[in-house]
N, C-alpha and C. Protein backbone atom coordinates (compact mmCIF):
# COMPACT_ATOMS: atom_id res chain seq x y z
N UNK A 1 -27.85 -29.52 38.79
CA UNK A 1 -28.04 -28.14 38.37
C UNK A 1 -29.20 -28.06 37.37
N UNK A 2 -29.98 -27.05 37.50
CA UNK A 2 -31.11 -26.82 36.61
C UNK A 2 -30.60 -26.43 35.22
N UNK A 3 -31.23 -26.97 34.19
CA UNK A 3 -30.84 -26.62 32.82
C UNK A 3 -31.58 -25.35 32.39
N UNK A 4 -31.15 -24.79 31.28
CA UNK A 4 -31.82 -23.62 30.71
C UNK A 4 -33.28 -23.96 30.42
N UNK A 5 -33.51 -25.13 29.83
CA UNK A 5 -34.87 -25.56 29.49
C UNK A 5 -35.76 -25.62 30.73
N UNK A 6 -35.24 -26.22 31.80
CA UNK A 6 -36.02 -26.34 33.04
C UNK A 6 -36.29 -24.97 33.65
N UNK A 7 -35.28 -24.12 33.65
CA UNK A 7 -35.44 -22.77 34.21
C UNK A 7 -36.52 -21.99 33.48
N UNK A 8 -36.46 -21.98 32.15
CA UNK A 8 -37.43 -21.23 31.35
C UNK A 8 -38.84 -21.81 31.55
N UNK A 9 -38.96 -23.12 31.52
CA UNK A 9 -40.27 -23.77 31.70
C UNK A 9 -40.86 -23.42 33.08
N UNK A 10 -40.03 -23.53 34.13
CA UNK A 10 -40.51 -23.23 35.48
C UNK A 10 -40.94 -21.77 35.61
N UNK A 11 -40.14 -20.84 35.09
CA UNK A 11 -40.48 -19.41 35.15
C UNK A 11 -41.78 -19.14 34.37
N UNK A 12 -41.90 -19.78 33.21
CA UNK A 12 -43.11 -19.58 32.39
C UNK A 12 -44.33 -20.10 33.13
N UNK A 13 -44.23 -21.28 33.71
CA UNK A 13 -45.37 -21.85 34.42
C UNK A 13 -45.73 -21.04 35.66
N UNK A 14 -44.73 -20.48 36.35
CA UNK A 14 -45.00 -19.63 37.53
C UNK A 14 -45.75 -18.36 37.15
N UNK A 15 -45.49 -17.86 35.93
CA UNK A 15 -46.20 -16.66 35.47
C UNK A 15 -47.56 -17.00 34.90
N UNK A 16 -47.86 -18.30 34.79
CA UNK A 16 -49.17 -18.74 34.30
C UNK A 16 -49.35 -18.60 32.80
N UNK A 17 -48.25 -18.60 32.05
CA UNK A 17 -48.33 -18.41 30.60
C UNK A 17 -48.13 -19.73 29.86
N UNK A 18 -48.81 -19.88 28.75
CA UNK A 18 -48.54 -20.99 27.83
C UNK A 18 -47.34 -20.58 26.97
N UNK A 19 -46.80 -21.51 26.23
CA UNK A 19 -45.70 -21.16 25.32
C UNK A 19 -46.18 -20.13 24.31
N UNK A 20 -47.38 -20.31 23.81
CA UNK A 20 -47.94 -19.39 22.83
C UNK A 20 -48.09 -17.98 23.40
N UNK A 21 -48.59 -17.90 24.63
CA UNK A 21 -48.78 -16.59 25.27
C UNK A 21 -47.44 -15.92 25.54
N UNK A 22 -46.46 -16.70 25.98
CA UNK A 22 -45.14 -16.13 26.24
C UNK A 22 -44.50 -15.65 24.94
N UNK A 23 -44.68 -16.41 23.87
CA UNK A 23 -44.13 -16.01 22.57
C UNK A 23 -44.69 -14.66 22.15
N UNK A 24 -46.00 -14.48 22.30
CA UNK A 24 -46.61 -13.19 21.95
C UNK A 24 -46.11 -12.07 22.85
N UNK A 25 -46.02 -12.36 24.14
CA UNK A 25 -45.58 -11.35 25.11
C UNK A 25 -44.13 -10.92 24.86
N UNK A 26 -43.30 -11.86 24.45
CA UNK A 26 -41.87 -11.59 24.23
C UNK A 26 -41.55 -11.20 22.80
N UNK A 27 -42.54 -11.30 21.92
CA UNK A 27 -42.32 -11.06 20.49
C UNK A 27 -41.26 -12.01 19.93
N UNK A 28 -41.41 -13.30 20.30
CA UNK A 28 -40.51 -14.35 19.82
C UNK A 28 -41.34 -15.42 19.14
N UNK A 29 -40.70 -16.18 18.27
CA UNK A 29 -41.38 -17.27 17.58
C UNK A 29 -41.69 -18.40 18.57
N UNK A 30 -42.88 -18.95 18.44
CA UNK A 30 -43.30 -20.04 19.31
C UNK A 30 -42.37 -21.25 19.16
N UNK A 31 -41.94 -21.55 17.94
CA UNK A 31 -41.06 -22.70 17.74
C UNK A 31 -39.70 -22.49 18.38
N UNK A 32 -39.25 -21.24 18.51
CA UNK A 32 -38.00 -20.96 19.20
C UNK A 32 -38.15 -21.29 20.69
N UNK A 33 -39.27 -20.86 21.28
CA UNK A 33 -39.49 -21.16 22.70
C UNK A 33 -39.62 -22.66 22.93
N UNK A 34 -40.27 -23.35 22.01
CA UNK A 34 -40.37 -24.81 22.12
C UNK A 34 -38.98 -25.44 22.05
N UNK A 35 -38.12 -24.92 21.18
CA UNK A 35 -36.75 -25.45 21.05
C UNK A 35 -35.96 -25.19 22.33
N UNK A 36 -36.15 -24.03 22.93
CA UNK A 36 -35.45 -23.72 24.19
C UNK A 36 -35.92 -24.66 25.29
N UNK A 37 -37.22 -24.84 25.41
CA UNK A 37 -37.77 -25.68 26.48
C UNK A 37 -37.51 -27.17 26.27
N UNK A 38 -37.14 -27.57 25.07
CA UNK A 38 -36.83 -28.98 24.82
C UNK A 38 -35.31 -29.20 24.73
N UNK A 39 -34.54 -28.22 25.18
CA UNK A 39 -33.07 -28.29 25.24
C UNK A 39 -32.42 -28.36 23.87
N UNK A 40 -33.10 -27.92 22.82
CA UNK A 40 -32.48 -27.87 21.50
C UNK A 40 -31.64 -26.61 21.34
N UNK A 41 -31.99 -25.57 22.06
CA UNK A 41 -31.23 -24.33 22.04
C UNK A 41 -30.55 -24.18 23.39
N UNK A 42 -29.23 -24.08 23.39
CA UNK A 42 -28.48 -24.00 24.63
C UNK A 42 -27.79 -22.66 24.83
N UNK A 43 -27.70 -21.88 23.75
CA UNK A 43 -27.09 -20.56 23.76
C UNK A 43 -28.10 -19.59 23.16
N UNK A 44 -28.36 -18.49 23.82
CA UNK A 44 -29.35 -17.55 23.31
C UNK A 44 -28.69 -16.26 22.83
N UNK A 45 -29.13 -15.73 21.69
CA UNK A 45 -28.66 -14.41 21.29
C UNK A 45 -29.11 -13.37 22.33
N UNK A 46 -28.37 -12.30 22.44
CA UNK A 46 -28.65 -11.27 23.44
C UNK A 46 -30.08 -10.76 23.35
N UNK A 47 -30.57 -10.50 22.14
CA UNK A 47 -31.92 -9.94 22.00
C UNK A 47 -32.98 -10.94 22.44
N UNK A 48 -32.78 -12.22 22.16
CA UNK A 48 -33.72 -13.25 22.60
C UNK A 48 -33.73 -13.31 24.12
N UNK A 49 -32.52 -13.30 24.71
CA UNK A 49 -32.41 -13.36 26.17
C UNK A 49 -33.11 -12.15 26.81
N UNK A 50 -32.93 -10.96 26.24
CA UNK A 50 -33.55 -9.75 26.78
C UNK A 50 -35.08 -9.81 26.69
N UNK A 51 -35.59 -10.22 25.52
CA UNK A 51 -37.05 -10.31 25.34
C UNK A 51 -37.64 -11.37 26.27
N UNK A 52 -36.96 -12.47 26.41
CA UNK A 52 -37.43 -13.55 27.27
C UNK A 52 -37.43 -13.09 28.73
N UNK A 53 -36.41 -12.38 29.14
CA UNK A 53 -36.32 -11.88 30.51
C UNK A 53 -37.48 -10.94 30.83
N UNK A 54 -37.82 -10.07 29.89
CA UNK A 54 -38.96 -9.16 30.10
C UNK A 54 -40.25 -9.94 30.28
N UNK A 55 -40.46 -10.93 29.43
CA UNK A 55 -41.68 -11.73 29.50
C UNK A 55 -41.78 -12.58 30.75
N UNK A 56 -40.63 -13.02 31.25
CA UNK A 56 -40.61 -13.89 32.44
C UNK A 56 -40.38 -13.12 33.73
N UNK A 57 -40.22 -11.80 33.60
CA UNK A 57 -40.01 -10.93 34.75
C UNK A 57 -38.79 -11.36 35.58
N UNK A 58 -37.67 -11.48 34.86
CA UNK A 58 -36.40 -11.76 35.52
C UNK A 58 -35.32 -10.99 34.76
N UNK A 59 -34.09 -11.12 35.17
CA UNK A 59 -33.02 -10.39 34.48
C UNK A 59 -32.38 -11.28 33.41
N UNK A 60 -31.85 -10.65 32.35
CA UNK A 60 -31.13 -11.42 31.34
C UNK A 60 -29.95 -12.18 31.94
N UNK A 61 -29.30 -11.59 32.96
CA UNK A 61 -28.17 -12.25 33.62
C UNK A 61 -28.60 -13.55 34.28
N UNK A 62 -29.81 -13.55 34.83
CA UNK A 62 -30.33 -14.75 35.48
C UNK A 62 -30.49 -15.87 34.45
N UNK A 63 -31.00 -15.54 33.27
CA UNK A 63 -31.15 -16.54 32.20
C UNK A 63 -29.77 -17.01 31.73
N UNK A 64 -28.84 -16.08 31.58
CA UNK A 64 -27.49 -16.40 31.10
C UNK A 64 -26.81 -17.44 31.99
N UNK A 65 -27.10 -17.41 33.30
CA UNK A 65 -26.50 -18.38 34.23
C UNK A 65 -26.80 -19.83 33.86
N UNK A 66 -27.94 -20.05 33.20
CA UNK A 66 -28.36 -21.40 32.88
C UNK A 66 -27.95 -21.86 31.48
N UNK A 67 -27.42 -20.95 30.69
CA UNK A 67 -26.94 -21.33 29.36
C UNK A 67 -25.63 -22.08 29.51
N UNK A 68 -25.35 -22.96 28.55
CA UNK A 68 -24.07 -23.66 28.58
C UNK A 68 -22.97 -22.65 28.34
N UNK A 69 -21.86 -22.86 29.02
CA UNK A 69 -20.71 -21.98 28.79
C UNK A 69 -20.03 -22.42 27.51
N UNK A 70 -19.56 -21.46 26.77
CA UNK A 70 -18.95 -21.76 25.47
C UNK A 70 -17.45 -21.65 25.57
N UNK A 71 -16.79 -22.69 25.15
CA UNK A 71 -15.34 -22.69 25.02
C UNK A 71 -15.03 -23.03 23.57
N UNK A 72 -14.22 -22.23 22.91
CA UNK A 72 -13.93 -22.50 21.51
C UNK A 72 -13.41 -23.93 21.32
N UNK A 73 -13.90 -24.58 20.28
CA UNK A 73 -13.51 -25.95 20.01
C UNK A 73 -12.38 -25.97 19.00
N UNK A 74 -11.54 -26.94 19.14
CA UNK A 74 -10.42 -27.04 18.22
C UNK A 74 -10.55 -28.31 17.39
N UNK A 75 -11.34 -28.21 16.34
CA UNK A 75 -11.39 -29.30 15.37
C UNK A 75 -10.84 -28.72 14.07
N UNK A 76 -10.40 -29.59 13.21
CA UNK A 76 -9.80 -29.11 11.96
C UNK A 76 -10.86 -28.46 11.08
N UNK A 77 -10.41 -27.56 10.24
CA UNK A 77 -11.31 -26.90 9.30
C UNK A 77 -11.95 -27.92 8.37
N UNK A 78 -11.20 -28.98 8.03
CA UNK A 78 -11.73 -30.03 7.17
C UNK A 78 -12.91 -30.74 7.84
N UNK A 79 -12.76 -31.03 9.14
CA UNK A 79 -13.85 -31.69 9.89
C UNK A 79 -15.08 -30.80 9.96
N UNK A 80 -14.86 -29.52 10.24
CA UNK A 80 -15.98 -28.58 10.31
C UNK A 80 -16.68 -28.48 8.97
N UNK A 81 -15.91 -28.39 7.89
CA UNK A 81 -16.50 -28.30 6.55
C UNK A 81 -17.25 -29.59 6.19
N UNK A 82 -16.72 -30.74 6.60
CA UNK A 82 -17.39 -32.01 6.35
C UNK A 82 -18.74 -32.04 7.06
N UNK A 83 -18.78 -31.61 8.32
CA UNK A 83 -20.04 -31.58 9.07
C UNK A 83 -21.03 -30.65 8.39
N UNK A 84 -20.58 -29.45 7.99
CA UNK A 84 -21.47 -28.51 7.30
C UNK A 84 -22.02 -29.10 6.01
N UNK A 85 -21.16 -29.77 5.26
CA UNK A 85 -21.59 -30.39 4.00
C UNK A 85 -22.64 -31.47 4.26
N UNK A 86 -22.43 -32.27 5.29
CA UNK A 86 -23.39 -33.32 5.64
C UNK A 86 -24.75 -32.72 6.00
N UNK A 87 -24.75 -31.64 6.75
CA UNK A 87 -26.00 -30.97 7.13
C UNK A 87 -26.72 -30.45 5.90
N UNK A 88 -25.98 -29.79 5.01
CA UNK A 88 -26.58 -29.24 3.78
C UNK A 88 -27.11 -30.35 2.87
N UNK A 89 -26.53 -31.56 2.98
CA UNK A 89 -26.99 -32.69 2.18
C UNK A 89 -28.16 -33.42 2.84
N UNK A 90 -28.65 -32.89 3.96
CA UNK A 90 -29.83 -33.46 4.59
C UNK A 90 -29.56 -34.48 5.68
N UNK A 91 -28.31 -34.72 5.99
CA UNK A 91 -27.96 -35.69 7.05
C UNK A 91 -28.33 -35.10 8.42
N UNK A 92 -29.03 -35.87 9.22
CA UNK A 92 -29.44 -35.40 10.55
C UNK A 92 -28.81 -36.20 11.68
N UNK A 93 -28.24 -37.33 11.37
CA UNK A 93 -27.64 -38.17 12.41
C UNK A 93 -26.12 -38.08 12.32
N UNK A 94 -25.59 -37.01 12.92
CA UNK A 94 -24.15 -36.76 12.93
C UNK A 94 -23.71 -36.72 14.39
N UNK A 95 -22.59 -37.34 14.68
CA UNK A 95 -22.09 -37.35 16.06
C UNK A 95 -21.06 -36.27 16.28
N UNK A 96 -21.01 -35.80 17.52
CA UNK A 96 -20.08 -34.75 17.92
C UNK A 96 -18.64 -35.24 17.80
N UNK A 97 -17.77 -34.43 17.18
CA UNK A 97 -16.36 -34.83 17.07
C UNK A 97 -15.62 -34.77 18.41
N UNK A 98 -16.20 -34.07 19.40
CA UNK A 98 -15.55 -33.98 20.72
C UNK A 98 -15.93 -35.13 21.64
N UNK A 99 -17.24 -35.42 21.76
CA UNK A 99 -17.68 -36.41 22.75
C UNK A 99 -18.41 -37.61 22.15
N UNK A 100 -18.76 -37.54 20.87
CA UNK A 100 -19.42 -38.67 20.22
C UNK A 100 -20.93 -38.73 20.37
N UNK A 101 -21.51 -37.80 21.10
CA UNK A 101 -22.97 -37.77 21.28
C UNK A 101 -23.61 -37.13 20.04
N UNK A 102 -24.94 -37.29 19.86
CA UNK A 102 -25.60 -36.72 18.67
C UNK A 102 -25.54 -35.20 18.62
N UNK A 103 -25.36 -34.70 17.42
CA UNK A 103 -25.43 -33.26 17.19
C UNK A 103 -26.87 -32.87 16.87
N UNK A 104 -27.28 -31.70 17.34
CA UNK A 104 -28.56 -31.11 16.96
C UNK A 104 -28.24 -30.22 15.77
N UNK A 105 -28.82 -30.54 14.61
CA UNK A 105 -28.47 -29.82 13.38
C UNK A 105 -29.67 -29.07 12.82
N UNK A 106 -29.39 -27.98 12.13
CA UNK A 106 -30.44 -27.24 11.43
C UNK A 106 -29.79 -26.42 10.33
N UNK A 107 -30.64 -25.95 9.43
CA UNK A 107 -30.18 -25.08 8.36
C UNK A 107 -30.96 -23.78 8.47
N UNK A 108 -30.23 -22.68 8.66
CA UNK A 108 -30.88 -21.37 8.70
C UNK A 108 -30.93 -20.84 7.28
N UNK A 109 -32.11 -20.39 6.91
CA UNK A 109 -32.27 -19.81 5.58
C UNK A 109 -32.54 -18.32 5.74
N UNK A 110 -31.79 -17.53 4.99
CA UNK A 110 -31.95 -16.08 5.03
C UNK A 110 -31.64 -15.52 3.65
N UNK A 111 -31.93 -14.27 3.47
CA UNK A 111 -31.69 -13.62 2.19
C UNK A 111 -30.61 -12.56 2.36
N UNK A 112 -29.72 -12.48 1.37
CA UNK A 112 -28.68 -11.46 1.41
C UNK A 112 -29.23 -10.15 0.86
N UNK A 113 -28.37 -9.15 0.74
CA UNK A 113 -28.81 -7.82 0.30
C UNK A 113 -29.34 -7.80 -1.13
N UNK A 114 -28.93 -8.77 -1.95
CA UNK A 114 -29.42 -8.86 -3.33
C UNK A 114 -30.61 -9.80 -3.44
N UNK A 115 -31.20 -10.17 -2.30
CA UNK A 115 -32.38 -11.03 -2.23
C UNK A 115 -32.12 -12.46 -2.72
N UNK A 116 -30.88 -12.93 -2.54
CA UNK A 116 -30.54 -14.31 -2.86
C UNK A 116 -30.68 -15.16 -1.59
N UNK A 117 -31.25 -16.33 -1.72
CA UNK A 117 -31.41 -17.23 -0.59
C UNK A 117 -30.06 -17.80 -0.19
N UNK A 118 -29.74 -17.69 1.10
CA UNK A 118 -28.50 -18.24 1.65
C UNK A 118 -28.87 -19.31 2.68
N UNK A 119 -28.22 -20.45 2.60
CA UNK A 119 -28.47 -21.55 3.55
C UNK A 119 -27.22 -21.74 4.39
N UNK A 120 -27.36 -21.60 5.69
CA UNK A 120 -26.23 -21.70 6.60
C UNK A 120 -26.43 -22.87 7.56
N UNK A 121 -25.56 -23.90 7.49
CA UNK A 121 -25.70 -25.04 8.40
C UNK A 121 -25.24 -24.68 9.80
N UNK A 122 -25.99 -25.15 10.80
CA UNK A 122 -25.68 -24.91 12.21
C UNK A 122 -25.74 -26.25 12.93
N UNK A 123 -24.96 -26.37 13.99
CA UNK A 123 -24.99 -27.60 14.79
C UNK A 123 -24.48 -27.31 16.19
N UNK A 124 -25.04 -28.03 17.16
CA UNK A 124 -24.46 -28.02 18.50
C UNK A 124 -24.68 -29.39 19.11
N UNK A 125 -23.80 -29.72 20.02
CA UNK A 125 -23.86 -31.03 20.65
C UNK A 125 -24.97 -31.07 21.68
N UNK A 126 -25.60 -32.24 21.81
CA UNK A 126 -26.67 -32.39 22.78
C UNK A 126 -26.12 -32.58 24.19
N UNK A 127 -24.82 -32.77 24.35
CA UNK A 127 -24.24 -33.00 25.68
C UNK A 127 -23.10 -32.07 26.05
N UNK A 128 -22.19 -31.79 25.12
CA UNK A 128 -21.05 -30.93 25.46
C UNK A 128 -21.22 -29.55 24.82
N UNK A 129 -20.20 -28.73 24.86
CA UNK A 129 -20.30 -27.36 24.37
C UNK A 129 -19.95 -27.19 22.90
N UNK A 130 -19.69 -28.27 22.18
CA UNK A 130 -19.32 -28.16 20.77
C UNK A 130 -20.45 -27.52 19.97
N UNK A 131 -20.07 -26.61 19.07
CA UNK A 131 -21.04 -26.01 18.17
C UNK A 131 -20.37 -25.52 16.90
N UNK A 132 -21.17 -25.46 15.86
CA UNK A 132 -20.76 -24.87 14.59
C UNK A 132 -21.74 -23.75 14.32
N UNK A 133 -21.22 -22.55 14.22
CA UNK A 133 -22.07 -21.38 13.99
C UNK A 133 -22.13 -21.07 12.53
């Protein structure tokens, strides 16, 4: 089965666009498109999927077919908090509690309504559907 990364790359190449050109056309960050095409992003927010579909001249439903299906994971709150703490402490080599494969980790930085910097750890498995939002 074709992966999301392969599907997006093939559609982009068929339209004759570079990653940079597609990013401009879709009004998306170039590094986001690079992450999608390198299988670092497996689930897309609705707005990203819609913008990408317009740029690739396909339907959002078509893109959704290639995303990994999400099934809620049942790990303990302590395990989830431990993983989040490790990410915030700069650890990048963490294994999935479900399948043992490497987790893809990142820290999203955003500002709250009072303009305070908030750091939110995120992770998803490189092989299974495990994720921490």
